[in-house]
């Protein structure tokens, strides 16, 4: 194997310093490294240059409440919502939540509650329009929060003096990408720990068996590009049972969903929309020929005999909750080299006997500056209702800022540890890549607001049979009209 490059060593060292040092609690000890004992004042040491240094307050036992959707409740919500915990039970992530919330309880004399609703939009809409809410903060899918923002029901987070968006526990990419005008109605942050971004999973055993070059090696050499991904995929197409017919239980270079082409668009640095100098979204999909080229490259791969599309299957799940879980079980059986998904499903690979790795989506070419991965439409972000003001807003802002900070010290590290913890192996390359992927997350208001059907009718196209240019011409006027109408409705004064 090639020697690890200096850049990779530095990246890994950064992760070790910022993440692994906070994992003592996740390795079986009661409290995180540097924390005082249970009988001391704090669980988590909070002496750090990122510390917002907010003065403690007595909020008289106030119950701070998050509203959110239950995990996999049929609404498309993929959020696990690690927000409240009743105590330390051995579940490392929930234990970290307990430690964090206990420190906040000590500092502010508050308790925490999670209000789970099946219809987030309707509940938030009715309460905000009624003038008061039973909740202080919202954890909802990007899609739902865009709907609520469009209706002017959310607070402009940039107007909250307490929030310091320059701190690392606020996602700087989200704070920049998700603005409308100079307003930020929803964003991402470290208290929202359950998802990183879409990633590329690959089977190390198939790389070894087929004597192929590993994506890790391509990354070390600065050559993890869409062309090299394509070459790897098209190196594998085996009729495993020898019946002369290729089905899902044969061996392929990739398993995918028909709309996965958009993940490669964003990985290649393409954006559907970008905000202009005034903060107004502008369609930038066709600024260069890159988008069309990426879709054509994906078409060559996905239409080949080396690929299997999950959407082409019937609803048969073979005893699994759904056909997607079934297909992931085949990835675990060494039948597919690549799979594309968020980190919320990684637990399904925990008992996989063969080793697997995690890499970001490939670059367009070697000249691309950095790796970028899109944040899933159905995963959660953070927002607040616009009913908060005065002392209520000050209280909520103090708690949220400190919760974000403490999450970055302990909870985030425990989440990373869970992502990497497997029955058979601990993959150090993936450890470094997780931070790389997190720092390269891409957010696109065009995707979340779905201007004029931009996502449903254009970005989510089936690359095997549809044309990006043709689809755009059909809805171009509708996209432009919706952007203009939506932008004009926001209070951007």
Protein backbone atom coordinates (compact mmCIF):
# COMPACT_ATOMS: atom_id res chain seq x y z
CA UNK A 1 0.00 0.00 0.00
CA UNK A 2 1.23 3.51 -0.71
CA UNK A 3 2.63 5.53 2.15
CA UNK A 4 0.18 8.00 3.62
CA UNK A 5 0.74 11.48 2.24
CA UNK A 6 1.64 14.42 4.49
CA UNK A 7 -1.71 16.06 3.68
CA UNK A 8 -3.61 12.97 4.81
CA UNK A 9 -1.53 12.71 7.98
CA UNK A 10 -2.31 16.33 8.79
CA UNK A 11 -6.00 15.81 8.07
CA UNK A 12 -6.07 12.74 10.28
CA UNK A 13 -4.19 14.58 13.03
CA UNK A 14 -6.80 17.35 12.90
CA UNK A 15 -9.58 14.84 13.36
CA UNK A 16 -7.75 13.14 16.22
CA UNK A 17 -7.24 16.48 17.97
CA UNK A 18 -10.75 17.86 17.43
CA UNK A 19 -12.79 14.69 17.64
CA UNK A 20 -11.09 11.66 19.15
CA UNK A 21 -9.84 13.58 22.20
CA UNK A 22 -13.48 14.11 23.15
CA UNK A 23 -14.34 10.41 22.93
CA UNK A 24 -13.32 9.11 26.35
CA UNK A 25 -16.98 8.82 27.28
CA UNK A 26 -17.63 7.00 24.02
CA UNK A 27 -14.99 4.44 24.88
CA UNK A 28 -16.74 3.24 28.00
CA UNK A 29 -15.77 5.82 30.65
CA UNK A 30 -18.47 7.72 32.47
CA UNK A 31 -17.36 11.26 31.62
CA UNK A 32 -15.49 12.75 28.65
CA UNK A 33 -11.79 13.56 28.80
CA UNK A 34 -11.17 16.63 30.91
CA UNK A 35 -14.61 16.58 32.50
CA UNK A 36 -15.07 16.85 36.21
CA UNK A 37 -16.62 14.03 38.16
CA UNK A 38 -20.37 13.55 38.47
CA UNK A 39 -20.18 15.25 41.86
CA UNK A 40 -18.40 18.25 40.37
CA UNK A 41 -19.98 21.28 38.80
CA UNK A 42 -19.75 20.21 35.13
CA UNK A 43 -19.71 17.05 33.09
CA UNK A 44 -17.97 18.73 30.16
CA UNK A 45 -14.91 20.98 30.46
CA UNK A 46 -15.91 24.20 28.75
CA UNK A 47 -12.63 26.09 28.65
CA UNK A 48 -11.99 26.58 24.96
CA UNK A 49 -11.35 29.48 22.59
CA UNK A 50 -14.72 28.75 20.97
CA UNK A 51 -16.53 29.20 24.29
CA UNK A 52 -19.20 31.91 23.89
CA UNK A 53 -18.72 32.74 27.60
CA UNK A 54 -22.39 33.40 28.26
CA UNK A 55 -23.21 34.33 31.83
CA UNK A 56 -25.41 31.81 33.62
CA UNK A 57 -29.05 32.69 34.27
CA UNK A 58 -31.85 31.33 36.44
CA UNK A 59 -34.79 30.58 34.14
CA UNK A 60 -36.84 29.14 36.99
CA UNK A 61 -37.16 25.57 35.69
CA UNK A 62 -38.32 26.62 32.22
CA UNK A 63 -38.98 23.68 29.85
CA UNK A 64 -37.09 24.40 26.63
CA UNK A 65 -38.84 22.54 23.82
CA UNK A 66 -37.82 21.40 20.36
CA UNK A 67 -40.49 20.51 17.83
CA UNK A 68 -39.51 17.82 15.35
CA UNK A 69 -40.73 14.80 13.41
CA UNK A 70 -40.24 11.24 14.63
CA UNK A 71 -37.60 9.21 12.81
CA UNK A 72 -38.97 7.40 9.74
CA UNK A 73 -42.55 8.28 10.50
CA UNK A 74 -43.72 8.04 6.90
CA UNK A 75 -43.25 11.76 6.26
CA UNK A 76 -39.78 11.48 4.77
CA UNK A 77 -38.09 12.74 7.95
CA UNK A 78 -34.71 11.09 8.34
CA UNK A 79 -33.74 12.83 11.56
CA UNK A 80 -32.91 10.81 14.67
CA UNK A 81 -33.14 13.98 16.80
CA UNK A 82 -30.57 13.50 19.56
CA UNK A 83 -32.02 16.32 21.63
CA UNK A 84 -33.12 14.91 24.99
CA UNK A 85 -32.02 12.01 27.20
CA UNK A 86 -33.27 10.74 30.56
CA UNK A 87 -29.88 9.60 31.84
CA UNK A 88 -26.70 7.66 31.17
CA UNK A 89 -27.61 4.17 30.02
CA UNK A 90 -24.66 2.97 27.95
CA UNK A 91 -25.93 4.40 24.65
CA UNK A 92 -22.93 6.59 23.96
CA UNK A 93 -24.74 9.25 21.94
CA UNK A 94 -27.69 9.58 24.30
CA UNK A 95 -25.24 9.63 27.21
CA UNK A 96 -23.48 12.58 25.55
CA UNK A 97 -26.86 14.29 25.13
CA UNK A 98 -27.54 13.74 28.84
CA UNK A 99 -24.17 15.22 29.84
CA UNK A 100 -24.66 18.25 27.60
CA UNK A 101 -28.21 18.93 28.77
CA UNK A 102 -27.24 18.39 32.41
CA UNK A 103 -24.61 21.11 32.15
CA UNK A 104 -27.16 23.44 30.59
CA UNK A 105 -29.65 22.59 33.34
CA UNK A 106 -27.06 23.53 35.95
CA UNK A 107 -26.19 26.77 34.21
CA UNK A 108 -29.68 27.99 33.32
CA UNK A 109 -32.09 26.05 35.59
CA UNK A 110 -34.03 24.64 32.63
CA UNK A 111 -35.26 21.26 31.47
CA UNK A 112 -35.52 19.95 27.91
CA UNK A 113 -38.41 18.46 25.99
CA UNK A 114 -38.92 17.11 22.50
CA UNK A 115 -42.33 17.66 20.92
CA UNK A 116 -42.79 15.06 18.17
CA UNK A 117 -45.46 15.73 15.55
CA UNK A 118 -46.29 13.91 12.33
CA UNK A 119 -47.21 17.05 10.43
CA UNK A 120 -44.52 19.58 11.26
CA UNK A 121 -45.63 22.19 8.73
CA UNK A 122 -49.25 22.28 9.87
CA UNK A 123 -48.37 22.40 13.58
CA UNK A 124 -45.76 25.15 13.23
CA UNK A 125 -47.98 27.12 10.87
CA UNK A 126 -51.04 27.05 13.14
CA UNK A 127 -49.14 27.98 16.30
CA UNK A 128 -47.00 30.74 14.77
CA UNK A 129 -49.98 32.28 13.00
CA UNK A 130 -51.82 32.09 16.32
CA UNK A 131 -49.18 34.32 17.89
CA UNK A 132 -47.56 31.93 20.38
CA UNK A 133 -45.89 28.53 20.30
CA UNK A 134 -45.40 25.57 22.59
CA UNK A 135 -41.84 25.23 21.29
CA UNK A 136 -38.67 27.32 21.24
CA UNK A 137 -36.78 25.75 18.33
CA UNK A 138 -37.53 23.66 15.26
CA UNK A 139 -35.64 20.65 13.94
CA UNK A 140 -37.20 19.87 10.57
CA UNK A 141 -36.31 18.66 7.11
CA UNK A 142 -34.75 21.19 4.76
CA UNK A 143 -37.78 20.78 2.51
CA UNK A 144 -40.27 21.61 5.30
CA UNK A 145 -38.24 24.52 6.64
CA UNK A 146 -38.11 26.03 3.17
CA UNK A 147 -41.91 25.89 3.05
CA UNK A 148 -42.20 27.61 6.44
CA UNK A 149 -39.62 30.23 5.46
CA UNK A 150 -41.51 30.96 2.26
CA UNK A 151 -44.57 31.71 4.42
CA UNK A 152 -42.58 34.12 6.63
CA UNK A 153 -43.11 32.00 9.74
CA UNK A 154 -39.46 31.64 10.75
CA UNK A 155 -37.11 33.95 12.62
CA UNK A 156 -34.19 35.53 10.80
CA UNK A 157 -31.28 33.88 12.62
CA UNK A 158 -28.91 36.60 11.43
CA UNK A 159 -30.92 39.09 13.50
CA UNK A 160 -30.06 37.28 16.76
CA UNK A 161 -27.10 39.08 18.30
CA UNK A 162 -26.19 36.12 20.50
CA UNK A 163 -25.61 33.79 17.54
CA UNK A 164 -22.01 33.94 16.37
CA UNK A 165 -22.08 32.31 12.93
CA UNK A 166 -18.28 32.61 12.69
CA UNK A 167 -17.86 29.90 15.34
CA UNK A 168 -17.14 26.40 14.10
CA UNK A 169 -20.19 24.92 15.82
CA UNK A 170 -22.34 26.81 13.31
CA UNK A 171 -21.96 25.45 9.77
CA UNK A 172 -20.40 28.33 7.85
CA UNK A 173 -21.32 26.82 4.47
CA UNK A 174 -24.98 26.66 5.46
CA UNK A 175 -24.94 30.17 6.94
CA UNK A 176 -23.67 31.50 3.62
CA UNK A 177 -25.54 29.28 1.13
CA UNK A 178 -28.99 29.40 2.73
CA UNK A 179 -29.45 33.16 2.96
CA UNK A 180 -32.30 34.85 1.15
CA UNK A 181 -31.25 38.45 0.77
CA UNK A 182 -29.38 39.06 4.00
CA UNK A 183 -31.76 36.86 6.02
CA UNK A 184 -31.07 33.33 7.26
CA UNK A 185 -34.23 31.41 8.13
CA UNK A 186 -32.76 27.95 8.71
CA UNK A 187 -29.27 26.52 8.95
CA UNK A 188 -27.13 23.67 10.24
CA UNK A 189 -25.13 23.41 13.45
CA UNK A 190 -23.49 20.92 15.81
CA UNK A 191 -26.52 20.33 18.03
CA UNK A 192 -28.11 18.82 14.90
CA UNK A 193 -25.70 15.92 14.83
CA UNK A 194 -27.55 13.10 13.09
CA UNK A 195 -26.42 13.59 9.48
CA UNK A 196 -23.27 14.75 7.68
CA UNK A 197 -24.07 14.72 3.97
CA UNK A 198 -24.42 12.25 1.14
CA UNK A 199 -21.32 10.06 0.95
CA UNK A 200 -19.93 7.29 -1.25
CA UNK A 201 -19.61 3.87 0.37
CA UNK A 202 -17.32 1.35 -1.30
CA UNK A 203 -16.51 -2.32 -0.70
CA UNK A 204 -12.81 -2.84 -0.02
CA UNK A 205 -13.03 -6.57 -0.61
CA UNK A 206 -14.19 -6.10 -4.19
CA UNK A 207 -11.34 -3.65 -4.79
CA UNK A 208 -8.95 -6.33 -3.58
CA UNK A 209 -10.60 -9.23 -5.42
CA UNK A 210 -10.68 -7.36 -8.73
CA UNK A 211 -7.19 -5.91 -8.21
CA UNK A 212 -8.49 -2.38 -8.67
CA UNK A 213 -7.05 0.90 -7.45
CA UNK A 214 -8.73 2.03 -4.24
CA UNK A 215 -10.61 5.35 -4.03
CA UNK A 216 -8.33 6.10 -1.09
CA UNK A 217 -5.31 5.87 -3.36
CA UNK A 218 -6.99 8.11 -5.92
CA UNK A 219 -7.66 10.64 -3.15
CA UNK A 220 -4.03 10.58 -1.99
CA UNK A 221 -2.91 11.33 -5.53
CA UNK A 222 -5.52 14.02 -6.12
CA UNK A 223 -7.21 11.88 -8.77
CA UNK A 224 -10.53 10.89 -7.21
CA UNK A 225 -12.54 12.17 -10.19
CA UNK A 226 -15.78 11.21 -11.87
CA UNK A 227 -13.85 9.56 -14.71
CA UNK A 228 -11.93 7.31 -12.34
CA UNK A 229 -15.15 6.50 -10.49
CA UNK A 230 -16.68 5.54 -13.83
CA UNK A 231 -13.74 3.28 -14.67
CA UNK A 232 -14.04 1.48 -11.35
CA UNK A 233 -17.79 0.93 -11.72
CA UNK A 234 -17.50 -0.44 -15.24
CA UNK A 235 -14.81 -2.91 -14.17
CA UNK A 236 -17.41 -5.09 -12.43
CA UNK A 237 -20.31 -6.96 -13.99
CA UNK A 238 -20.55 -10.65 -13.02
CA UNK A 239 -23.32 -13.20 -13.57
CA UNK A 240 -22.79 -14.73 -10.14
CA UNK A 241 -25.21 -17.65 -10.45
CA UNK A 242 -24.36 -18.32 -14.11
CA UNK A 243 -27.96 -18.31 -15.32
CA UNK A 244 -27.28 -15.92 -18.19
CA UNK A 245 -29.56 -13.22 -16.73
CA UNK A 246 -28.44 -10.24 -14.67
CA UNK A 247 -30.64 -9.62 -11.61
CA UNK A 248 -30.11 -7.73 -8.37
CA UNK A 249 -28.35 -10.73 -6.79
CA UNK A 250 -25.55 -10.69 -9.38
CA UNK A 251 -22.43 -8.55 -8.97
CA UNK A 252 -22.21 -4.94 -10.15
CA UNK A 253 -19.99 -1.91 -9.95
CA UNK A 254 -22.76 0.16 -8.37
CA UNK A 255 -26.21 0.13 -6.85
CA UNK A 256 -28.06 3.42 -7.26
CA UNK A 257 -31.38 5.28 -7.36
CA UNK A 258 -32.48 6.97 -10.57
CA UNK A 259 -31.98 10.47 -9.17
CA UNK A 260 -28.44 9.87 -7.87
CA UNK A 261 -27.07 11.89 -10.77
CA UNK A 262 -27.72 15.07 -8.77
CA UNK A 263 -25.28 13.91 -6.10
CA UNK A 264 -22.55 13.78 -8.73
CA UNK A 265 -23.57 17.22 -9.99
CA UNK A 266 -22.98 18.76 -6.59
CA UNK A 267 -19.85 16.68 -6.07
CA UNK A 268 -18.53 18.19 -9.30
CA UNK A 269 -19.02 21.72 -8.00
CA UNK A 270 -22.23 22.37 -9.96
CA UNK A 271 -25.06 24.27 -8.29
CA UNK A 272 -28.66 24.61 -9.45
CA UNK A 273 -28.82 28.13 -7.99
CA UNK A 274 -26.38 30.61 -6.47
CA UNK A 275 -27.25 33.85 -4.73
CA UNK A 276 -26.27 37.06 -6.48
CA UNK A 277 -24.87 40.14 -4.72
CA UNK A 278 -28.33 41.02 -3.36
CA UNK A 279 -28.94 37.52 -2.01
CA UNK A 280 -31.40 36.64 -4.75
CA UNK A 281 -31.16 33.08 -6.13
CA UNK A 282 -30.05 32.84 -9.75
CA UNK A 283 -30.02 29.66 -11.84
CA UNK A 284 -26.36 28.74 -12.36
CA UNK A 285 -26.80 25.16 -13.54
CA UNK A 286 -25.64 25.99 -17.05
CA UNK A 287 -22.92 28.53 -16.36
CA UNK A 288 -20.53 26.06 -18.02
CA UNK A 289 -20.91 22.76 -19.86
CA UNK A 290 -19.98 20.92 -16.70
CA UNK A 291 -23.53 19.96 -15.67
CA UNK A 292 -24.35 18.42 -19.03
CA UNK A 293 -21.02 16.59 -19.08
CA UNK A 294 -21.57 15.17 -15.59
CA UNK A 295 -25.04 13.89 -16.48
CA UNK A 296 -23.68 12.28 -19.65
CA UNK A 297 -20.95 10.56 -17.65
CA UNK A 298 -23.54 9.32 -15.14
CA UNK A 299 -25.72 8.11 -18.01
CA UNK A 300 -22.84 6.06 -19.42
CA UNK A 301 -22.43 4.40 -16.02
CA UNK A 302 -26.03 3.96 -14.92
CA UNK A 303 -27.19 2.64 -18.31
CA UNK A 304 -24.39 0.07 -18.41
CA UNK A 305 -24.45 -3.59 -17.42
CA UNK A 306 -22.30 -2.65 -14.40
CA UNK A 307 -25.15 -0.85 -12.61
CA UNK A 308 -28.38 -1.85 -10.90
CA UNK A 309 -31.14 0.68 -10.22
CA UNK A 310 -33.15 0.16 -7.03
CA UNK A 311 -36.15 1.97 -8.55
CA UNK A 312 -36.42 -0.68 -11.28
CA UNK A 313 -37.26 -3.31 -8.68
CA UNK A 314 -40.71 -4.28 -7.57
CA UNK A 315 -41.73 -3.51 -3.99
CA UNK A 316 -40.44 -6.90 -2.78
CA UNK A 317 -38.33 -6.33 0.33
CA UNK A 318 -37.45 -9.98 1.16
CA UNK A 319 -38.17 -9.56 4.86
CA UNK A 320 -36.47 -6.17 5.22
CA UNK A 321 -38.41 -2.99 6.12
CA UNK A 322 -38.18 -1.82 2.49
CA UNK A 323 -36.42 -2.61 -0.78
CA UNK A 324 -33.71 -0.04 -0.08
CA UNK A 325 -32.69 -1.88 3.10
CA UNK A 326 -32.79 -5.13 1.15
CA UNK A 327 -30.44 -3.77 -1.50
CA UNK A 328 -28.06 -2.51 1.17
CA UNK A 329 -27.96 -6.03 2.55
CA UNK A 330 -26.65 -7.15 -0.86
CA UNK A 331 -23.92 -4.51 -0.64
CA UNK A 332 -22.93 -6.21 2.64
CA UNK A 333 -22.69 -9.52 0.74
CA UNK A 334 -20.01 -8.12 -1.62
CA UNK A 335 -22.37 -7.86 -4.60
CA UNK A 336 -21.84 -4.12 -5.22
CA UNK A 337 -18.74 -1.95 -5.23
CA UNK A 338 -20.40 1.46 -4.65
CA UNK A 339 -23.47 2.75 -2.83
CA UNK A 340 -24.57 6.39 -2.32
CA UNK A 341 -26.46 7.46 0.77
CA UNK A 342 -26.32 9.63 3.85
CA UNK A 343 -24.58 8.62 7.05
CA UNK A 344 -27.90 7.89 8.74
CA UNK A 345 -27.90 4.33 7.32
CA UNK A 346 -24.32 3.38 8.22
CA UNK A 347 -25.49 1.22 11.12
CA UNK A 348 -26.79 -1.25 8.51
CA UNK A 349 -23.18 -1.98 7.59
CA UNK A 350 -21.93 -2.45 11.17
CA UNK A 351 -21.82 -6.27 10.97
CA UNK A 352 -20.54 -6.44 7.40
CA UNK A 353 -17.72 -9.00 7.31
CA UNK A 354 -15.86 -7.34 4.46
CA UNK A 355 -14.33 -3.95 5.06
CA UNK A 356 -15.97 -0.89 3.56
CA UNK A 357 -14.73 2.65 3.15
CA UNK A 358 -16.23 6.13 2.96
CA UNK A 359 -15.16 8.81 0.50
CA UNK A 360 -16.70 12.08 -0.70
CA UNK A 361 -18.28 12.29 -4.12
CA UNK A 362 -15.62 12.47 -6.82
CA UNK A 363 -14.45 15.79 -8.24
CA UNK A 364 -15.21 16.78 -11.81
CA UNK A 365 -11.50 16.70 -12.63
CA UNK A 366 -8.14 17.16 -10.93
CA UNK A 367 -8.39 20.95 -11.21
CA UNK A 368 -11.39 21.15 -8.87
CA UNK A 369 -10.28 22.86 -5.67
CA UNK A 370 -12.09 20.74 -3.06
CA UNK A 371 -14.55 17.91 -2.52
CA UNK A 372 -18.16 18.93 -2.11
CA UNK A 373 -21.13 16.83 -0.97
CA UNK A 374 -24.76 17.90 -0.97
CA UNK A 375 -26.82 17.92 2.21
CA UNK A 376 -29.89 15.68 1.88
CA UNK A 377 -33.25 17.28 1.20
CA UNK A 378 -35.04 15.13 3.77
CA UNK A 379 -32.53 15.54 6.58
CA UNK A 380 -32.97 18.02 9.37
CA UNK A 381 -31.77 21.54 9.98
CA UNK A 382 -32.36 24.13 12.67
CA UNK A 383 -34.83 27.04 12.76
CA UNK A 384 -36.79 29.16 15.25
CA UNK A 385 -40.34 30.57 15.12
CA UNK A 386 -40.68 34.29 14.47
CA UNK A 387 -42.94 34.66 17.52
CA UNK A 388 -39.89 34.82 19.80
CA UNK A 389 -38.91 38.30 20.95
CA UNK A 390 -37.62 40.17 23.97
CA UNK A 391 -36.73 38.06 27.01
CA UNK A 392 -38.07 34.87 25.40
CA UNK A 393 -35.73 35.30 22.44
CA UNK A 394 -32.77 36.15 24.70
CA UNK A 395 -33.39 33.00 26.75
CA UNK A 396 -33.69 30.77 23.69
CA UNK A 397 -30.61 32.29 22.06
CA UNK A 398 -28.46 31.82 25.16
CA UNK A 399 -29.45 28.18 25.46
CA UNK A 400 -29.03 27.39 21.76
CA UNK A 401 -25.60 29.03 21.49
CA UNK A 402 -24.31 27.13 24.53
CA UNK A 403 -25.94 23.89 23.39
CA UNK A 404 -24.19 24.19 20.05
CA UNK A 405 -20.86 24.84 21.75
CA UNK A 406 -21.16 21.91 24.17
CA UNK A 407 -22.31 19.63 21.34
CA UNK A 408 -19.09 20.39 19.49
CA UNK A 409 -17.03 19.28 22.50
CA UNK A 410 -18.66 15.95 23.29
CA UNK A 411 -21.72 14.96 21.27
CA UNK A 412 -20.14 15.40 17.83
CA UNK A 413 -17.23 13.20 18.83
CA UNK A 414 -19.54 10.45 20.08
CA UNK A 415 -21.51 10.63 16.84
CA UNK A 416 -18.33 10.23 14.78
CA UNK A 417 -17.34 7.30 16.95
CA UNK A 418 -20.67 5.61 16.27
CA UNK A 419 -20.29 6.14 12.54
CA UNK A 420 -16.88 4.50 12.60
CA UNK A 421 -17.54 1.74 15.11
CA UNK A 422 -17.87 -1.61 13.38
CA UNK A 423 -17.77 -5.20 14.38
CA UNK A 424 -14.70 -6.13 12.38
CA UNK A 425 -12.65 -3.04 11.65
CA UNK A 426 -12.03 0.65 12.37
CA UNK A 427 -11.24 2.48 9.15
CA UNK A 428 -8.79 5.34 9.75
CA UNK A 429 -9.08 6.77 6.24
CA UNK A 430 -12.84 7.15 6.64
CA UNK A 431 -12.21 8.88 9.95
CA UNK A 432 -10.35 11.68 8.20
CA UNK A 433 -12.85 11.76 5.33
CA UNK A 434 -15.81 12.40 7.63
CA UNK A 435 -14.40 15.78 8.64
CA UNK A 436 -13.48 16.48 5.02
CA UNK A 437 -17.05 15.73 3.94
CA UNK A 438 -18.52 17.82 6.76
CA UNK A 439 -16.41 20.82 5.81
CA UNK A 440 -17.38 20.47 2.15
CA UNK A 441 -21.15 20.28 2.64
CA UNK A 442 -23.14 22.12 -0.01
CA UNK A 443 -26.56 23.70 0.50
CA UNK A 444 -28.68 24.97 -2.40
CA UNK A 445 -31.84 27.01 -1.83
CA UNK A 446 -32.97 26.04 -5.33
CA UNK A 447 -33.03 22.41 -4.27
CA UNK A 448 -34.89 23.03 -1.00
CA UNK A 449 -37.40 25.59 -2.26
CA UNK A 450 -37.89 23.64 -5.52
CA UNK A 451 -38.46 26.83 -7.50
CA UNK A 452 -40.87 26.13 -10.35
CA UNK A 453 -40.30 22.39 -10.00
CA UNK A 454 -36.53 22.78 -10.36
CA UNK A 455 -35.79 19.75 -8.20
CA UNK A 456 -38.67 17.46 -9.09
CA UNK A 457 -38.68 18.16 -12.82
CA UNK A 458 -35.01 18.89 -13.48
CA UNK A 459 -32.42 17.94 -10.86
CA UNK A 460 -34.07 14.60 -10.00
CA UNK A 461 -34.14 13.45 -13.62
CA UNK A 462 -33.50 9.84 -14.60
CA UNK A 463 -30.20 10.32 -16.41
CA UNK A 464 -30.69 7.17 -18.45
CA UNK A 465 -33.67 8.52 -20.38
CA UNK A 466 -34.00 12.27 -19.82
CA UNK A 467 -32.11 15.32 -21.02
CA UNK A 468 -31.01 18.09 -18.65
CA UNK A 469 -31.26 20.77 -21.33
CA UNK A 470 -34.65 19.59 -22.60
CA UNK A 471 -36.12 19.46 -19.11
CA UNK A 472 -34.80 22.93 -18.30
CA UNK A 473 -36.32 24.50 -21.42
CA UNK A 474 -39.73 23.16 -20.39
CA UNK A 475 -39.71 24.81 -16.97
CA UNK A 476 -37.26 27.70 -17.29
CA UNK A 477 -39.96 30.39 -17.21
CA UNK A 478 -41.69 28.72 -14.27
CA UNK A 479 -38.42 28.62 -12.31
CA UNK A 480 -37.66 32.29 -12.96
CA UNK A 481 -41.21 33.34 -12.09
CA UNK A 482 -41.21 31.37 -8.84
CA UNK A 483 -37.85 32.80 -7.77
CA UNK A 484 -39.10 36.34 -8.44
CA UNK A 485 -42.39 35.74 -6.64
CA UNK A 486 -40.80 34.02 -3.64
CA UNK A 487 -38.05 36.60 -3.25
CA UNK A 488 -40.56 39.46 -3.32
CA UNK A 489 -42.58 37.90 -0.50
CA UNK A 490 -39.71 37.87 1.99
CA UNK A 491 -39.35 40.80 4.33
CA UNK A 492 -35.83 41.79 3.32
CA UNK A 493 -35.87 45.27 4.82
